[in-house]
Amino acid sequence: MTTTTATRKLTLEEYLVYDDGTDTKYELIDGELVEMPPESDRNNLISLYLLVEFFKFVPIKLIRHKDTEIVVTGNRTRVRFPDLIILTEELFAAIDGRRATITQDMPPPALVVEVVSPGKVNEDRDYRYKRSEYAARGIPEYWIVDPSQAKVTVLIWVDGLYEEAVFQGSNSIVSTTFPDLKLTVAQVLGVGEA
């Protein structure tokens, strides 16, 4: 369950300096602070497993795990906290030494992964809203890992829209950004087993 905490709309600048004195993470959705609920243990394990697998192909400095936000646009400015982000060298140079925020004037990351939490609201957020937000941001590859539906959807950005491929079971996940990555859906959802 998500909770909206602001009574008035915040600008991006206000959001970037907002501090309520807690460790609570918030996304900015159309000017409102939306508290990020804790992840399930399984979702955390899935995102950690993917981090370890990407580490085989990507230097650690280019991998972000639940700690870097990305500014996207919706009706108003939105800020998202993906589960896993793979940066490009150019993007790494742009954010190096600053707050871990990928702003709109920076290049997009190479890949973003979201692990879907159970519930209709979360499904809509990851499949619908983030899909259009990440496409508008020009993110070349977006993975939606869905434990409830036992599938991984890989979206490849082509001419401003995502083309979709869905993988299940023992299917190998095909990544155009990381063609040497050899993972099956069963391995990802079974957090390394299969």
N, C-alpha and C. Protein backbone atom coordinates (compact mmCIF):
# COMPACT_ATOMS: atom_id res chain seq x y z
N MET A 1 0.85 -1.18 0.00
CA MET A 1 0.00 0.00 0.00
C MET A 1 0.89 1.24 0.00
N THR A 2 0.56 2.20 -0.85
CA THR A 2 1.33 3.43 -0.89
C THR A 2 0.57 4.54 -0.20
N THR A 3 1.31 5.46 0.37
CA THR A 3 0.70 6.58 1.06
C THR A 3 1.20 7.87 0.46
N THR A 4 0.28 8.77 0.19
CA THR A 4 0.66 10.09 -0.29
C THR A 4 0.78 10.99 0.94
N THR A 5 1.89 11.74 1.03
CA THR A 5 2.12 12.49 2.26
C THR A 5 2.02 14.01 2.10
N ALA A 6 2.17 14.53 0.91
CA ALA A 6 2.16 15.98 0.75
C ALA A 6 0.73 16.49 0.60
N THR A 7 0.48 17.66 1.15
CA THR A 7 -0.85 18.25 1.01
C THR A 7 -0.87 19.25 -0.14
N ARG A 8 0.29 19.74 -0.53
CA ARG A 8 0.37 20.62 -1.70
C ARG A 8 1.34 20.01 -2.68
N LYS A 9 1.25 20.42 -3.93
CA LYS A 9 2.11 19.88 -4.97
C LYS A 9 3.52 20.42 -4.82
N LEU A 10 4.50 19.52 -4.91
CA LEU A 10 5.91 19.92 -4.84
C LEU A 10 6.48 20.05 -6.24
N THR A 11 7.41 20.95 -6.39
CA THR A 11 8.17 21.04 -7.63
C THR A 11 9.30 20.02 -7.55
N LEU A 12 9.96 19.78 -8.66
CA LEU A 12 11.11 18.88 -8.65
C LEU A 12 12.19 19.41 -7.71
N GLU A 13 12.43 20.70 -7.76
CA GLU A 13 13.46 21.32 -6.91
C GLU A 13 13.13 21.12 -5.44
N GLU A 14 11.86 21.28 -5.05
CA GLU A 14 11.45 21.06 -3.66
C GLU A 14 11.61 19.59 -3.27
N TYR A 15 11.27 18.70 -4.17
CA TYR A 15 11.42 17.28 -3.91
C TYR A 15 12.89 16.92 -3.68
N LEU A 16 13.77 17.45 -4.50
CA LEU A 16 15.19 17.10 -4.42
C LEU A 16 15.84 17.54 -3.12
N VAL A 17 15.25 18.51 -2.42
CA VAL A 17 15.80 18.93 -1.13
C VAL A 17 14.91 18.51 0.04
N TYR A 18 13.83 17.79 -0.23
CA TYR A 18 12.89 17.39 0.81
C TYR A 18 13.57 16.41 1.78
N ASP A 19 13.36 16.62 3.05
CA ASP A 19 13.88 15.72 4.09
C ASP A 19 12.90 15.77 5.26
N ASP A 20 12.27 14.62 5.54
CA ASP A 20 11.33 14.58 6.67
C ASP A 20 11.99 14.03 7.93
N GLY A 21 13.32 13.86 7.89
CA GLY A 21 14.04 13.38 9.06
C GLY A 21 13.98 11.88 9.26
N THR A 22 13.42 11.15 8.29
CA THR A 22 13.36 9.69 8.37
C THR A 22 14.16 9.09 7.22
N ASP A 23 14.26 7.77 7.19
CA ASP A 23 14.91 7.08 6.08
C ASP A 23 13.91 6.66 5.01
N THR A 24 12.69 7.16 5.09
CA THR A 24 11.65 6.79 4.16
C THR A 24 12.00 7.27 2.76
N LYS A 25 11.80 6.37 1.76
CA LYS A 25 12.00 6.73 0.36
C LYS A 25 10.65 7.14 -0.23
N TYR A 26 10.68 8.19 -1.03
CA TYR A 26 9.47 8.66 -1.70
C TYR A 26 9.72 8.76 -3.19
N GLU A 27 8.70 8.45 -3.98
CA GLU A 27 8.69 8.82 -5.39
C GLU A 27 7.87 10.09 -5.49
N LEU A 28 8.18 10.91 -6.46
CA LEU A 28 7.39 12.11 -6.73
C LEU A 28 6.47 11.79 -7.90
N ILE A 29 5.17 11.82 -7.65
CA ILE A 29 4.19 11.50 -8.68
C ILE A 29 3.27 12.69 -8.86
N ASP A 30 3.45 13.37 -9.99
CA ASP A 30 2.63 14.55 -10.31
C ASP A 30 2.60 15.55 -9.16
N GLY A 31 3.75 15.77 -8.55
CA GLY A 31 3.88 16.77 -7.50
C GLY A 31 3.60 16.27 -6.09
N GLU A 32 3.18 15.01 -5.94
CA GLU A 32 2.87 14.47 -4.62
C GLU A 32 3.93 13.46 -4.21
N LEU A 33 4.30 13.50 -2.93
CA LEU A 33 5.21 12.50 -2.38
C LEU A 33 4.44 11.21 -2.15
N VAL A 34 4.95 10.10 -2.69
CA VAL A 34 4.33 8.80 -2.50
C VAL A 34 5.36 7.89 -1.85
N GLU A 35 5.05 7.46 -0.63
CA GLU A 35 5.96 6.62 0.13
C GLU A 35 6.15 5.28 -0.56
N MET A 36 7.42 4.86 -0.65
CA MET A 36 7.74 3.56 -1.23
C MET A 36 7.59 2.50 -0.14
N PRO A 37 6.69 1.54 -0.31
CA PRO A 37 6.53 0.50 0.71
C PRO A 37 7.73 -0.44 0.70
N PRO A 38 7.96 -1.14 1.80
CA PRO A 38 9.06 -2.12 1.82
C PRO A 38 8.82 -3.21 0.78
N GLU A 39 9.89 -3.71 0.19
CA GLU A 39 9.82 -4.80 -0.78
C GLU A 39 9.67 -6.13 -0.07
N SER A 40 9.12 -7.11 -0.78
CA SER A 40 9.09 -8.47 -0.24
C SER A 40 10.50 -9.04 -0.31
N ASP A 41 10.76 -10.02 0.53
CA ASP A 41 12.07 -10.65 0.54
C ASP A 41 12.38 -11.27 -0.81
N ARG A 42 11.39 -11.92 -1.42
CA ARG A 42 11.60 -12.54 -2.74
C ARG A 42 11.98 -11.51 -3.79
N ASN A 43 11.28 -10.38 -3.82
CA ASN A 43 11.62 -9.34 -4.79
C ASN A 43 13.02 -8.81 -4.57
N ASN A 44 13.41 -8.65 -3.31
CA ASN A 44 14.78 -8.22 -3.01
C ASN A 44 15.79 -9.23 -3.51
N LEU A 45 15.53 -10.53 -3.29
CA LEU A 45 16.45 -11.57 -3.76
C LEU A 45 16.55 -11.58 -5.28
N ILE A 46 15.43 -11.39 -5.96
CA ILE A 46 15.44 -11.36 -7.43
C ILE A 46 16.30 -10.21 -7.93
N SER A 47 16.11 -9.02 -7.37
CA SER A 47 16.89 -7.88 -7.85
C SER A 47 18.38 -8.03 -7.50
N LEU A 48 18.69 -8.62 -6.35
CA LEU A 48 20.09 -8.89 -5.99
C LEU A 48 20.71 -9.94 -6.92
N TYR A 49 19.95 -10.97 -7.25
CA TYR A 49 20.44 -11.99 -8.18
C TYR A 49 20.77 -11.36 -9.54
N LEU A 50 19.88 -10.51 -10.02
CA LEU A 50 20.14 -9.83 -11.30
C LEU A 50 21.37 -8.93 -11.21
N LEU A 51 21.54 -8.25 -10.10
CA LEU A 51 22.73 -7.42 -9.90
C LEU A 51 23.98 -8.28 -10.05
N VAL A 52 24.01 -9.43 -9.40
CA VAL A 52 25.17 -10.33 -9.47
C VAL A 52 25.40 -10.80 -10.91
N GLU A 53 24.34 -11.14 -11.62
CA GLU A 53 24.47 -11.60 -13.00
C GLU A 53 24.98 -10.48 -13.92
N PHE A 54 24.46 -9.27 -13.77
CA PHE A 54 24.93 -8.16 -14.60
C PHE A 54 26.37 -7.79 -14.26
N PHE A 55 26.77 -8.02 -13.02
CA PHE A 55 28.14 -7.74 -12.60
C PHE A 55 29.16 -8.53 -13.42
N LYS A 56 28.75 -9.65 -13.99
CA LYS A 56 29.64 -10.46 -14.84
C LYS A 56 29.96 -9.76 -16.16
N PHE A 57 29.14 -8.77 -16.54
CA PHE A 57 29.29 -8.10 -17.84
C PHE A 57 29.52 -6.60 -17.72
N VAL A 58 29.24 -6.05 -16.55
CA VAL A 58 29.24 -4.60 -16.38
C VAL A 58 30.11 -4.24 -15.17
N PRO A 59 30.96 -3.22 -15.28
CA PRO A 59 31.73 -2.79 -14.10
C PRO A 59 30.78 -2.34 -12.98
N ILE A 60 31.16 -2.63 -11.75
CA ILE A 60 30.28 -2.31 -10.61
C ILE A 60 29.91 -0.83 -10.55
N LYS A 61 30.78 0.05 -11.01
CA LYS A 61 30.48 1.48 -10.97
C LYS A 61 29.26 1.85 -11.82
N LEU A 62 28.87 0.98 -12.75
CA LEU A 62 27.74 1.27 -13.63
C LEU A 62 26.43 0.61 -13.17
N ILE A 63 26.46 -0.08 -12.04
CA ILE A 63 25.27 -0.77 -11.55
C ILE A 63 24.70 -0.05 -10.33
N ARG A 64 23.41 0.21 -10.36
CA ARG A 64 22.71 0.83 -9.23
C ARG A 64 21.58 -0.08 -8.79
N HIS A 65 21.49 -0.30 -7.48
CA HIS A 65 20.49 -1.20 -6.93
C HIS A 65 19.64 -0.46 -5.90
N LYS A 66 18.43 -0.09 -6.27
CA LYS A 66 17.44 0.53 -5.37
C LYS A 66 17.94 1.80 -4.69
N ASP A 67 18.91 2.47 -5.28
CA ASP A 67 19.48 3.64 -4.61
C ASP A 67 19.60 4.87 -5.50
N THR A 68 19.17 4.76 -6.72
CA THR A 68 19.29 5.87 -7.67
C THR A 68 17.92 6.16 -8.25
N GLU A 69 17.56 7.43 -8.24
CA GLU A 69 16.26 7.82 -8.77
C GLU A 69 16.42 8.39 -10.17
N ILE A 70 15.34 8.31 -10.94
CA ILE A 70 15.35 8.84 -12.29
C ILE A 70 14.15 9.76 -12.49
N VAL A 71 14.41 10.94 -13.02
CA VAL A 71 13.36 11.92 -13.28
C VAL A 71 12.74 11.57 -14.64
N VAL A 72 11.42 11.40 -14.64
CA VAL A 72 10.66 11.13 -15.85
C VAL A 72 9.52 12.13 -15.90
N THR A 73 8.75 12.12 -16.96
CA THR A 73 7.63 13.04 -17.01
C THR A 73 6.32 12.27 -17.12
N GLY A 74 5.31 12.84 -16.54
CA GLY A 74 3.95 12.33 -16.62
C GLY A 74 3.10 13.57 -16.83
N ASN A 75 1.96 13.65 -16.12
CA ASN A 75 1.17 14.88 -16.16
C ASN A 75 2.00 16.05 -15.64
N ARG A 76 2.81 15.78 -14.64
CA ARG A 76 3.81 16.69 -14.09
C ARG A 76 5.08 15.86 -13.94
N THR A 77 6.10 16.44 -13.41
CA THR A 77 7.34 15.70 -13.22
C THR A 77 7.13 14.55 -12.25
N ARG A 78 7.76 13.42 -12.57
CA ARG A 78 7.73 12.25 -11.71
C ARG A 78 9.16 11.80 -11.47
N VAL A 79 9.38 11.21 -10.31
CA VAL A 79 10.68 10.64 -9.98
C VAL A 79 10.45 9.21 -9.55
N ARG A 80 11.17 8.28 -10.18
CA ARG A 80 11.02 6.85 -9.90
C ARG A 80 12.30 6.29 -9.30
N PHE A 81 12.15 5.25 -8.48
CA PHE A 81 13.27 4.50 -7.88
C PHE A 81 13.23 3.08 -8.44
N PRO A 82 13.87 2.81 -9.56
CA PRO A 82 13.87 1.43 -10.09
C PRO A 82 14.62 0.46 -9.17
N ASP A 83 14.32 -0.82 -9.33
CA ASP A 83 14.99 -1.84 -8.54
C ASP A 83 16.45 -2.01 -8.97
N LEU A 84 16.72 -1.87 -10.27
CA LEU A 84 18.07 -2.03 -10.78
C LEU A 84 18.23 -1.13 -12.00
N ILE A 85 19.37 -0.45 -12.06
CA ILE A 85 19.68 0.41 -13.20
C ILE A 85 21.09 0.09 -13.66
N ILE A 86 21.27 -0.02 -14.97
CA ILE A 86 22.60 -0.15 -15.55
C ILE A 86 22.88 1.17 -16.27
N LEU A 87 23.92 1.86 -15.79
CA LEU A 87 24.30 3.15 -16.37
C LEU A 87 25.18 2.96 -17.60
N THR A 88 25.24 3.98 -18.43
CA THR A 88 26.26 4.05 -19.47
C THR A 88 27.45 4.80 -18.88
N GLU A 89 28.61 4.72 -19.52
CA GLU A 89 29.79 5.48 -19.06
C GLU A 89 29.49 6.97 -19.06
N GLU A 90 28.78 7.42 -20.08
CA GLU A 90 28.43 8.85 -20.20
C GLU A 90 27.54 9.29 -19.04
N LEU A 91 26.58 8.46 -18.69
CA LEU A 91 25.69 8.79 -17.57
C LEU A 91 26.45 8.74 -16.25
N PHE A 92 27.34 7.76 -16.08
CA PHE A 92 28.15 7.69 -14.87
C PHE A 92 28.94 8.99 -14.68
N ALA A 93 29.53 9.48 -15.75
CA ALA A 93 30.30 10.73 -15.67
C ALA A 93 29.40 11.91 -15.30
N ALA A 94 28.15 11.88 -15.79
CA ALA A 94 27.23 13.00 -15.52
C ALA A 94 26.77 13.04 -14.07
N ILE A 95 26.62 11.86 -13.41
CA ILE A 95 26.13 11.88 -12.02
C ILE A 95 27.24 11.69 -11.00
N ASP A 96 28.46 11.40 -11.43
CA ASP A 96 29.56 11.14 -10.50
C ASP A 96 29.75 12.30 -9.54
N GLY A 97 29.71 11.98 -8.24
CA GLY A 97 29.94 12.99 -7.21
C GLY A 97 28.72 13.80 -6.83
N ARG A 98 27.59 13.60 -7.51
CA ARG A 98 26.36 14.33 -7.20
C ARG A 98 25.38 13.41 -6.48
N ARG A 99 24.22 13.98 -6.13
CA ARG A 99 23.12 13.17 -5.61
C ARG A 99 22.81 12.09 -6.65
N ALA A 100 22.45 10.91 -6.20
CA ALA A 100 22.16 9.79 -7.10
C ALA A 100 20.80 9.98 -7.77
N THR A 101 20.72 11.03 -8.58
CA THR A 101 19.49 11.36 -9.31
C THR A 101 19.84 11.53 -10.78
N ILE A 102 19.14 10.79 -11.63
CA ILE A 102 19.32 10.94 -13.07
C ILE A 102 18.29 11.96 -13.53
N THR A 103 18.76 13.17 -13.83
CA THR A 103 17.87 14.25 -14.22
C THR A 103 17.62 14.23 -15.73
N GLN A 104 16.66 15.04 -16.16
CA GLN A 104 16.26 15.02 -17.56
C GLN A 104 17.34 15.55 -18.51
N ASP A 105 18.30 16.31 -17.99
CA ASP A 105 19.37 16.82 -18.86
C ASP A 105 20.51 15.81 -19.02
N MET A 106 20.41 14.67 -18.35
CA MET A 106 21.43 13.62 -18.44
C MET A 106 21.00 12.56 -19.45
N PRO A 107 21.96 11.81 -20.00
CA PRO A 107 21.58 10.72 -20.90
C PRO A 107 20.83 9.63 -20.14
N PRO A 108 20.03 8.84 -20.84
CA PRO A 108 19.29 7.77 -20.16
C PRO A 108 20.21 6.62 -19.79
N PRO A 109 19.81 5.82 -18.79
CA PRO A 109 20.57 4.61 -18.48
C PRO A 109 20.43 3.60 -19.62
N ALA A 110 21.32 2.61 -19.64
CA ALA A 110 21.28 1.57 -20.66
C ALA A 110 20.10 0.63 -20.45
N LEU A 111 19.79 0.36 -19.16
CA LEU A 111 18.75 -0.60 -18.84
C LEU A 111 18.15 -0.30 -17.47
N VAL A 112 16.85 -0.52 -17.35
CA VAL A 112 16.15 -0.39 -16.07
C VAL A 112 15.37 -1.68 -15.83
N VAL A 113 15.42 -2.17 -14.59
CA VAL A 113 14.67 -3.37 -14.20
C VAL A 113 13.73 -3.01 -13.06
N GLU A 114 12.48 -3.42 -13.20
CA GLU A 114 11.50 -3.30 -12.14
C GLU A 114 10.99 -4.70 -11.80
N VAL A 115 10.96 -5.04 -10.51
CA VAL A 115 10.38 -6.30 -10.04
C VAL A 115 9.01 -5.96 -9.49
N VAL A 116 7.97 -6.53 -10.10
CA VAL A 116 6.59 -6.17 -9.77
C VAL A 116 6.19 -6.73 -8.42
N SER A 117 5.67 -5.86 -7.56
CA SER A 117 5.09 -6.29 -6.29
C SER A 117 3.65 -6.71 -6.55
N PRO A 118 3.10 -7.63 -5.74
CA PRO A 118 1.73 -8.07 -5.95
C PRO A 118 0.73 -6.92 -5.82
N GLY A 119 -0.34 -7.02 -6.58
CA GLY A 119 -1.43 -6.04 -6.48
C GLY A 119 -1.63 -5.27 -7.77
N LYS A 120 -2.88 -4.93 -8.04
CA LYS A 120 -3.27 -4.23 -9.27
C LYS A 120 -2.57 -2.89 -9.40
N VAL A 121 -2.46 -2.14 -8.31
CA VAL A 121 -1.82 -0.82 -8.36
C VAL A 121 -0.37 -0.95 -8.82
N ASN A 122 0.34 -1.95 -8.27
CA ASN A 122 1.74 -2.16 -8.65
C ASN A 122 1.87 -2.62 -10.09
N GLU A 123 0.96 -3.49 -10.53
CA GLU A 123 0.99 -3.94 -11.93
C GLU A 123 0.76 -2.77 -12.87
N ASP A 124 -0.24 -1.95 -12.59
CA ASP A 124 -0.49 -0.76 -13.43
C ASP A 124 0.74 0.13 -13.47
N ARG A 125 1.35 0.35 -12.32
CA ARG A 125 2.52 1.23 -12.23
C ARG A 125 3.66 0.72 -13.11
N ASP A 126 3.99 -0.58 -12.99
CA ASP A 126 5.15 -1.12 -13.71
C ASP A 126 4.86 -1.40 -15.17
N TYR A 127 3.68 -1.94 -15.49
CA TYR A 127 3.36 -2.30 -16.87
C TYR A 127 2.88 -1.11 -17.70
N ARG A 128 2.21 -0.19 -17.08
CA ARG A 128 1.57 0.88 -17.83
C ARG A 128 2.29 2.22 -17.71
N TYR A 129 2.33 2.75 -16.49
CA TYR A 129 2.87 4.10 -16.30
C TYR A 129 4.37 4.16 -16.53
N LYS A 130 5.11 3.26 -15.89
CA LYS A 130 6.56 3.30 -16.05
C LYS A 130 6.96 2.97 -17.49
N ARG A 131 6.19 2.11 -18.13
CA ARG A 131 6.48 1.78 -19.53
C ARG A 131 6.48 3.05 -20.38
N SER A 132 5.45 3.85 -20.27
CA SER A 132 5.38 5.07 -21.08
C SER A 132 6.40 6.11 -20.61
N GLU A 133 6.63 6.19 -19.30
CA GLU A 133 7.60 7.15 -18.77
C GLU A 133 9.02 6.81 -19.21
N TYR A 134 9.38 5.53 -19.14
CA TYR A 134 10.73 5.12 -19.53
C TYR A 134 10.92 5.22 -21.05
N ALA A 135 9.87 4.95 -21.81
CA ALA A 135 9.96 5.11 -23.26
C ALA A 135 10.16 6.58 -23.61
N ALA A 136 9.39 7.47 -22.97
CA ALA A 136 9.55 8.91 -23.22
C ALA A 136 10.93 9.40 -22.84
N ARG A 137 11.53 8.75 -21.87
CA ARG A 137 12.89 9.11 -21.41
C ARG A 137 13.96 8.54 -22.33
N GLY A 138 13.55 7.63 -23.25
CA GLY A 138 14.48 7.05 -24.21
C GLY A 138 15.38 5.96 -23.64
N ILE A 139 14.91 5.27 -22.61
CA ILE A 139 15.68 4.18 -22.01
C ILE A 139 15.64 3.00 -22.98
N PRO A 140 16.81 2.56 -23.47
CA PRO A 140 16.85 1.55 -24.53
C PRO A 140 16.23 0.19 -24.17
N GLU A 141 16.32 -0.20 -22.90
CA GLU A 141 15.80 -1.51 -22.52
C GLU A 141 15.21 -1.44 -21.11
N TYR A 142 13.99 -1.98 -20.97
CA TYR A 142 13.26 -1.98 -19.71
C TYR A 142 12.75 -3.39 -19.46
N TRP A 143 13.14 -3.97 -18.33
CA TRP A 143 12.67 -5.30 -17.95
C TRP A 143 11.62 -5.18 -16.86
N ILE A 144 10.53 -5.92 -17.04
CA ILE A 144 9.50 -6.05 -16.01
C ILE A 144 9.54 -7.50 -15.55
N VAL A 145 10.05 -7.72 -14.35
CA VAL A 145 10.15 -9.06 -13.79
C VAL A 145 8.92 -9.25 -12.90
N ASP A 146 8.08 -10.22 -13.25
CA ASP A 146 6.80 -10.39 -12.58
C ASP A 146 6.70 -11.77 -11.93
N PRO A 147 7.05 -11.88 -10.64
CA PRO A 147 6.96 -13.18 -9.96
C PRO A 147 5.54 -13.74 -9.91
N SER A 148 4.54 -12.90 -9.75
CA SER A 148 3.15 -13.37 -9.65
C SER A 148 2.68 -14.04 -10.93
N GLN A 149 3.09 -13.48 -12.08
CA GLN A 149 2.68 -14.04 -13.37
C GLN A 149 3.75 -14.95 -13.97
N ALA A 150 4.85 -15.16 -13.24
CA ALA A 150 5.94 -16.05 -13.65
C ALA A 150 6.46 -15.72 -15.06
N LYS A 151 6.77 -14.43 -15.26
CA LYS A 151 7.28 -14.04 -16.57
C LYS A 151 8.21 -12.83 -16.45
N VAL A 152 9.01 -12.65 -17.48
CA VAL A 152 9.85 -11.47 -17.61
C VAL A 152 9.52 -10.84 -18.96
N THR A 153 9.13 -9.58 -18.92
CA THR A 153 8.83 -8.84 -20.14
C THR A 153 10.01 -7.93 -20.42
N VAL A 154 10.58 -8.05 -21.62
CA VAL A 154 11.69 -7.20 -22.03
C VAL A 154 11.17 -6.24 -23.09
N LEU A 155 11.32 -4.96 -22.79
CA LEU A 155 10.86 -3.92 -23.70
C LEU A 155 12.08 -3.23 -24.30
N ILE A 156 12.14 -3.19 -25.64
CA ILE A 156 13.24 -2.57 -26.36
C ILE A 156 12.70 -1.30 -27.03
N TRP A 157 13.40 -0.19 -26.78
CA TRP A 157 12.96 1.12 -27.29
C TRP A 157 13.30 1.24 -28.77
N VAL A 158 12.26 1.41 -29.59
CA VAL A 158 12.44 1.56 -31.03
C VAL A 158 11.59 2.73 -31.49
N ASP A 159 12.24 3.78 -31.97
CA ASP A 159 11.54 4.95 -32.52
C ASP A 159 10.51 5.54 -31.56
N GLY A 160 10.87 5.64 -30.28
CA GLY A 160 10.01 6.31 -29.31
C GLY A 160 8.98 5.43 -28.64
N LEU A 161 8.91 4.15 -29.01
CA LEU A 161 7.97 3.21 -28.39
C LEU A 161 8.71 1.93 -28.03
N TYR A 162 8.14 1.18 -27.09
CA TYR A 162 8.73 -0.09 -26.73
C TYR A 162 8.14 -1.23 -27.55
N GLU A 163 9.02 -2.10 -28.04
CA GLU A 163 8.61 -3.37 -28.62
C GLU A 163 8.80 -4.42 -27.53
N GLU A 164 7.83 -5.30 -27.38
CA GLU A 164 7.76 -6.19 -26.23
C GLU A 164 8.05 -7.64 -26.60
N ALA A 165 8.81 -8.31 -25.74
CA ALA A 165 9.01 -9.76 -25.82
C ALA A 165 8.78 -10.32 -24.42
N VAL A 166 8.00 -11.40 -24.33
CA VAL A 166 7.67 -12.00 -23.04
C VAL A 166 8.34 -13.38 -22.96
N PHE A 167 8.99 -13.63 -21.82
CA PHE A 167 9.71 -14.88 -21.61
C PHE A 167 9.16 -15.56 -20.35
N GLN A 168 9.05 -16.90 -20.42
CA GLN A 168 8.53 -17.67 -19.29
C GLN A 168 9.31 -18.98 -19.14
N GLY A 169 9.21 -19.58 -17.97
CA GLY A 169 9.76 -20.90 -17.72
C GLY A 169 11.24 -21.03 -18.02
N SER A 170 11.58 -21.99 -18.86
CA SER A 170 12.98 -22.25 -19.18
C SER A 170 13.46 -21.43 -20.38
N ASN A 171 12.62 -20.49 -20.85
CA ASN A 171 13.04 -19.61 -21.94
C ASN A 171 14.21 -18.76 -21.50
N SER A 172 15.20 -18.63 -22.37
CA SER A 172 16.30 -17.70 -22.11
C SER A 172 15.81 -16.28 -22.38
N ILE A 173 16.15 -15.37 -21.49
CA ILE A 173 15.79 -13.96 -21.65
C ILE A 173 16.73 -13.36 -22.68
N VAL A 174 16.17 -12.71 -23.69
CA VAL A 174 16.97 -12.12 -24.76
C VAL A 174 17.08 -10.62 -24.51
N SER A 175 18.33 -10.17 -24.39
CA SER A 175 18.61 -8.75 -24.18
C SER A 175 19.42 -8.24 -25.37
N THR A 176 18.94 -7.19 -26.03
CA THR A 176 19.73 -6.62 -27.12
C THR A 176 20.89 -5.79 -26.58
N THR A 177 20.73 -5.24 -25.38
CA THR A 177 21.79 -4.44 -24.76
C THR A 177 22.90 -5.34 -24.23
N PHE A 178 22.55 -6.50 -23.73
CA PHE A 178 23.52 -7.45 -23.16
C PHE A 178 23.31 -8.83 -23.80
N PRO A 179 23.71 -8.99 -25.06
CA PRO A 179 23.43 -10.25 -25.78
C PRO A 179 24.14 -11.47 -25.19
N ASP A 180 25.21 -11.28 -24.44
CA ASP A 180 25.93 -12.42 -23.86
C ASP A 180 25.33 -12.90 -22.54
N LEU A 181 24.35 -12.19 -22.02
CA LEU A 181 23.71 -12.57 -20.77
C LEU A 181 22.91 -13.85 -20.99
N LYS A 182 23.19 -14.85 -20.20
CA LYS A 182 22.51 -16.15 -20.34
C LYS A 182 21.73 -16.45 -19.07
N LEU A 183 20.46 -16.10 -19.09
CA LEU A 183 19.57 -16.32 -17.95
C LEU A 183 18.24 -16.85 -18.44
N THR A 184 17.66 -17.74 -17.67
CA THR A 184 16.30 -18.16 -17.96
C THR A 184 15.36 -17.50 -16.95
N VAL A 185 14.11 -17.47 -17.29
CA VAL A 185 13.11 -16.92 -16.37
C VAL A 185 13.09 -17.75 -15.08
N ALA A 186 13.20 -19.08 -15.23
CA ALA A 186 13.19 -19.96 -14.05
C ALA A 186 14.33 -19.62 -13.11
N GLN A 187 15.52 -19.31 -13.65
CA GLN A 187 16.64 -18.93 -12.80
C GLN A 187 16.35 -17.63 -12.07
N VAL A 188 15.83 -16.64 -12.78
CA VAL A 188 15.57 -15.32 -12.17
C VAL A 188 14.50 -15.44 -11.10
N LEU A 189 13.40 -16.08 -11.41
CA LEU A 189 12.30 -16.17 -10.44
C LEU A 189 12.59 -17.16 -9.32
N GLY A 190 13.45 -18.14 -9.59
CA GLY A 190 13.86 -19.08 -8.56
C GLY A 190 15.11 -18.61 -7.84
N VAL A 191 15.46 -17.35 -8.08
CA VAL A 191 16.66 -16.69 -7.56
C VAL A 191 17.90 -17.57 -7.64
N GLY A 192 18.19 -17.97 -8.88
CA GLY A 192 19.44 -18.67 -9.18
C GLY A 192 19.31 -20.15 -9.36
N GLU A 193 18.20 -20.71 -8.96
CA GLU A 193 18.01 -22.15 -9.13
C GLU A 193 17.45 -22.42 -10.51
N ALA A 194 17.55 -23.66 -10.95
CA ALA A 194 16.95 -24.15 -12.19
C ALA A 194 17.97 -24.76 -13.09
